[in-house]
N, C-alpha and C. Protein backbone atom coordinates (compact mmCIF):
# COMPACT_ATOMS: atom_id res chain seq x y z
N MET A 1 -8.62 -25.46 19.66
CA MET A 1 -7.50 -26.31 19.57
C MET A 1 -7.41 -27.28 18.20
N ALA A 2 -6.48 -27.28 17.60
CA ALA A 2 -6.67 -28.26 16.47
C ALA A 2 -6.84 -29.79 16.34
N THR A 3 -7.68 -30.05 15.57
CA THR A 3 -7.87 -31.66 15.57
C THR A 3 -6.77 -32.41 14.77
N ASN A 4 -6.79 -33.75 15.02
CA ASN A 4 -5.84 -34.37 14.12
C ASN A 4 -5.86 -34.34 12.43
N LYS A 5 -7.30 -34.23 12.34
CA LYS A 5 -7.45 -33.85 10.65
C LYS A 5 -6.79 -32.45 10.34
N ASP A 6 -6.88 -31.65 10.98
CA ASP A 6 -6.35 -30.33 10.74
C ASP A 6 -4.70 -30.24 10.67
N ILE A 7 -4.37 -31.08 11.66
CA ILE A 7 -2.77 -31.22 11.55
C ILE A 7 -2.28 -32.05 10.46
N ILE A 8 -3.13 -33.03 10.20
CA ILE A 8 -2.79 -33.75 8.91
C ILE A 8 -2.83 -32.76 7.61
N LYS A 9 -3.80 -31.93 7.47
CA LYS A 9 -3.91 -31.16 6.49
C LYS A 9 -2.57 -30.12 6.47
N GLU A 10 -2.44 -29.62 7.55
CA GLU A 10 -1.21 -28.70 7.66
C GLU A 10 0.23 -29.51 7.14
N VAL A 11 0.36 -30.39 7.78
CA VAL A 11 1.57 -31.45 7.40
C VAL A 11 1.66 -31.65 5.88
N ALA A 12 0.33 -32.13 5.35
CA ALA A 12 0.57 -32.39 3.90
C ALA A 12 0.66 -31.22 2.99
N LEU A 13 0.00 -29.93 3.60
CA LEU A 13 0.16 -28.77 2.92
C LEU A 13 1.64 -28.26 3.17
N MET A 14 2.35 -28.30 3.98
CA MET A 14 3.73 -28.18 4.19
C MET A 14 4.70 -29.22 3.30
N GLU A 15 4.34 -30.33 3.36
CA GLU A 15 4.97 -31.27 2.44
C GLU A 15 5.09 -30.81 0.87
N GLN A 16 3.84 -30.44 0.54
CA GLN A 16 3.66 -29.87 -0.84
C GLN A 16 4.47 -28.87 -1.01
N ARG A 17 4.32 -27.72 -0.15
CA ARG A 17 5.27 -26.51 -0.36
C ARG A 17 6.82 -26.94 -0.32
N ILE A 18 7.10 -27.77 0.67
CA ILE A 18 8.77 -28.27 0.44
C ILE A 18 8.83 -28.96 -0.69
N ASP A 19 8.06 -29.70 -1.38
CA ASP A 19 8.41 -30.31 -2.69
C ASP A 19 8.57 -29.15 -3.81
N SER A 20 7.64 -28.40 -3.75
CA SER A 20 7.56 -27.19 -4.76
C SER A 20 8.86 -26.51 -4.57
N MET A 21 9.25 -26.22 -3.44
CA MET A 21 10.60 -25.34 -3.22
C MET A 21 11.78 -26.16 -3.74
N GLU A 22 11.95 -27.47 -3.44
CA GLU A 22 12.89 -28.21 -3.85
C GLU A 22 12.94 -28.39 -5.46
N ASP A 23 11.54 -28.48 -6.19
CA ASP A 23 11.82 -28.32 -7.49
C ASP A 23 12.19 -26.84 -8.02
N LYS A 24 11.87 -25.96 -7.41
CA LYS A 24 12.31 -24.61 -7.93
C LYS A 24 13.79 -24.53 -7.45
N LEU A 25 14.47 -25.04 -6.45
CA LEU A 25 15.73 -24.88 -6.17
C LEU A 25 16.28 -25.86 -7.17
N ASP A 26 16.31 -26.78 -7.62
CA ASP A 26 16.63 -27.68 -8.75
C ASP A 26 16.69 -26.77 -9.86
N LYS A 27 15.72 -25.90 -10.29
CA LYS A 27 15.57 -25.39 -11.40
C LYS A 27 16.83 -24.14 -11.32
N VAL A 28 16.86 -23.54 -10.34
CA VAL A 28 17.82 -22.65 -9.97
C VAL A 28 19.27 -23.03 -9.95
N VAL A 29 19.50 -24.22 -9.42
CA VAL A 29 20.71 -24.78 -9.69
C VAL A 29 21.20 -25.21 -11.03
N ALA A 30 20.06 -25.60 -11.82
CA ALA A 30 20.47 -25.79 -13.40
C ALA A 30 21.02 -24.68 -13.85
N LYS A 31 19.97 -23.56 -13.71
CA LYS A 31 20.65 -22.24 -14.14
C LYS A 31 21.64 -21.64 -13.92
N LEU A 32 22.09 -21.81 -12.63
CA LEU A 32 23.44 -21.37 -12.14
C LEU A 32 24.44 -22.42 -13.00
N ASP A 33 24.23 -23.43 -13.00
CA ASP A 33 25.32 -24.57 -13.77
C ASP A 33 25.43 -24.00 -15.02
N MET A 34 24.34 -23.48 -15.63
CA MET A 34 24.62 -23.42 -17.30
C MET A 34 25.30 -22.01 -17.26
N LEU A 35 25.06 -21.04 -16.52
CA LEU A 35 25.79 -19.71 -16.49
C LEU A 35 27.25 -19.81 -15.86
N THR A 36 27.46 -20.75 -15.13
CA THR A 36 28.78 -20.93 -14.49
C THR A 36 29.68 -21.51 -15.78
N GLU A 37 28.94 -22.44 -16.49
CA GLU A 37 29.44 -23.07 -17.73
C GLU A 37 29.84 -21.90 -18.89
N LYS A 38 28.68 -21.02 -19.10
CA LYS A 38 29.05 -20.02 -20.00
C LYS A 38 30.15 -18.95 -19.75
N VAL A 39 30.34 -18.82 -18.61
CA VAL A 39 31.25 -17.83 -18.00
C VAL A 39 32.61 -18.41 -18.05
N LEU A 40 32.73 -19.80 -17.60
CA LEU A 40 34.14 -20.39 -17.39
C LEU A 40 34.33 -21.16 -18.52
N ASP A 41 33.78 -21.49 -19.51
CA ASP A 41 34.20 -22.38 -20.52
C ASP A 41 35.32 -21.86 -21.22
N PRO A 42 36.51 -22.67 -21.46
CA PRO A 42 37.69 -22.33 -21.55
C PRO A 42 37.90 -22.01 -23.25
N ASP A 43 36.94 -22.47 -23.90
CA ASP A 43 36.86 -22.30 -25.32
C ASP A 43 36.00 -20.95 -26.09
N LEU A 44 34.79 -20.93 -25.41
CA LEU A 44 33.77 -20.35 -25.60
C LEU A 44 32.83 -19.21 -24.80
N GLY A 45 33.67 -19.42 -23.53
CA GLY A 45 33.21 -18.56 -22.48
C GLY A 45 33.51 -17.02 -22.13
N VAL A 46 32.92 -16.23 -21.38
CA VAL A 46 33.16 -14.72 -21.44
C VAL A 46 34.43 -14.61 -21.16
N VAL A 47 35.11 -15.52 -20.21
CA VAL A 47 36.63 -15.18 -19.63
C VAL A 47 37.68 -15.44 -21.01
N ALA A 48 37.19 -16.42 -21.70
CA ALA A 48 38.01 -16.38 -22.98
C ALA A 48 37.95 -15.44 -23.92
N ARG A 49 36.62 -14.83 -24.24
CA ARG A 49 36.45 -13.71 -25.05
C ARG A 49 37.01 -12.50 -24.33
N VAL A 50 37.02 -12.25 -23.22
CA VAL A 50 37.87 -11.12 -22.70
C VAL A 50 39.33 -11.39 -23.06
N ASN A 51 39.90 -12.39 -22.87
CA ASN A 51 41.29 -12.66 -22.89
C ASN A 51 41.68 -12.45 -24.44
N ARG A 52 40.56 -12.91 -25.38
CA ARG A 52 40.97 -12.73 -26.81
C ARG A 52 40.98 -11.16 -27.04
N ASN A 53 39.92 -10.62 -26.46
CA ASN A 53 39.83 -9.01 -26.79
C ASN A 53 41.13 -8.40 -26.32
N THR A 54 41.52 -8.71 -25.05
CA THR A 54 42.71 -8.14 -24.51
C THR A 54 43.79 -8.26 -25.41
N SER A 55 44.05 -9.54 -25.95
CA SER A 55 45.25 -9.77 -26.83
C SER A 55 45.28 -8.91 -28.11
N THR A 56 43.81 -8.85 -28.57
CA THR A 56 43.70 -8.02 -29.80
C THR A 56 44.00 -6.58 -29.53
N ARG A 57 43.47 -6.20 -28.42
CA ARG A 57 43.69 -4.89 -28.19
C ARG A 57 45.20 -4.36 -28.06
N LYS A 58 46.03 -5.29 -27.40
CA LYS A 58 47.56 -5.21 -27.20
C LYS A 58 48.15 -5.07 -28.50
N VAL A 59 47.63 -5.99 -29.46
CA VAL A 59 48.28 -6.08 -30.76
C VAL A 59 48.11 -4.84 -31.43
N MET A 60 46.80 -4.35 -31.70
CA MET A 60 46.45 -2.88 -32.24
C MET A 60 47.03 -2.05 -31.68
N SER A 61 47.27 -1.76 -30.25
CA SER A 61 48.02 -0.73 -29.78
C SER A 61 49.40 -0.57 -30.39
N LYS A 62 49.90 -1.69 -30.34
CA LYS A 62 51.32 -1.85 -31.03
C LYS A 62 51.32 -1.27 -32.28
N SER A 63 50.35 -1.78 -33.10
CA SER A 63 50.41 -1.36 -34.41
C SER A 63 50.26 -0.10 -34.74
N LEU A 64 49.36 0.56 -33.74
CA LEU A 64 49.16 2.05 -33.92
C LEU A 64 50.33 2.64 -33.62
N TRP A 65 51.25 2.44 -32.62
CA TRP A 65 52.38 2.94 -32.27
C TRP A 65 53.27 2.91 -33.64
N VAL A 66 53.56 1.84 -34.11
CA VAL A 66 54.22 1.71 -35.23
C VAL A 66 53.84 2.62 -36.53
N ILE A 67 52.68 2.72 -36.59
CA ILE A 67 51.95 3.59 -37.53
C ILE A 67 52.37 5.06 -37.28
N TYR A 68 52.02 5.50 -35.96
CA TYR A 68 52.45 6.72 -35.65
C TYR A 68 53.89 7.04 -35.71
N VAL A 69 54.92 6.32 -35.41
CA VAL A 69 56.29 6.40 -35.50
C VAL A 69 56.57 6.67 -36.86
N ALA A 70 55.95 5.92 -37.75
CA ALA A 70 56.36 5.97 -39.25
C ALA A 70 55.86 7.20 -39.71
N LEU A 71 54.68 7.76 -39.42
CA LEU A 71 54.04 8.96 -39.81
C LEU A 71 54.97 10.17 -39.41
N VAL A 72 55.43 10.23 -38.12
CA VAL A 72 56.33 11.20 -37.57
C VAL A 72 57.62 11.16 -38.36
N GLY A 73 57.99 10.00 -38.76
CA GLY A 73 59.32 9.74 -39.56
C GLY A 73 59.13 10.52 -40.90
N LEU A 74 58.03 10.19 -41.54
CA LEU A 74 57.76 10.87 -42.95
C LEU A 74 57.64 12.35 -42.80
N ILE A 75 56.95 12.68 -41.94
CA ILE A 75 56.74 14.47 -41.37
C ILE A 75 58.06 14.94 -41.37
N VAL A 76 59.09 14.13 -40.47
CA VAL A 76 60.33 14.91 -40.27
C VAL A 76 61.21 14.80 -41.35
N LYS A 77 61.14 13.69 -42.37
CA LYS A 77 61.93 13.71 -43.46
C LYS A 77 61.15 14.75 -44.65
N MET A 78 60.26 14.76 -44.54
CA MET A 78 59.57 15.97 -45.61
C MET A 78 60.05 17.39 -45.27
N PHE A 79 60.12 17.68 -43.99
CA PHE A 79 60.76 18.94 -43.57
C PHE A 79 61.91 19.30 -43.61
N LEU A 80 62.90 18.22 -43.33
CA LEU A 80 64.23 18.22 -43.23
C LEU A 80 64.85 17.71 -44.63
N GLY A 81 64.17 17.11 -45.13
CA GLY A 81 64.97 16.23 -46.64
C GLY A 81 64.47 16.73 -47.81
């Protein structure tokens, strides 16, 4: 059977482990907050960059279609005219 000293040592060890876990949890929360900010930041976040890339891709796609139509028009004019 455990003595009072053993029980006190066990409780102290458990308190130390709980404190250590709380510190680690605080670090995890801080990192999660930082990641969330980097992902969702409206100016520099990942979502904003994806939106900019999507809009750039759409503009480039339209520009390429204009170039394709112009080239086809020039080719047709060369053969017919």
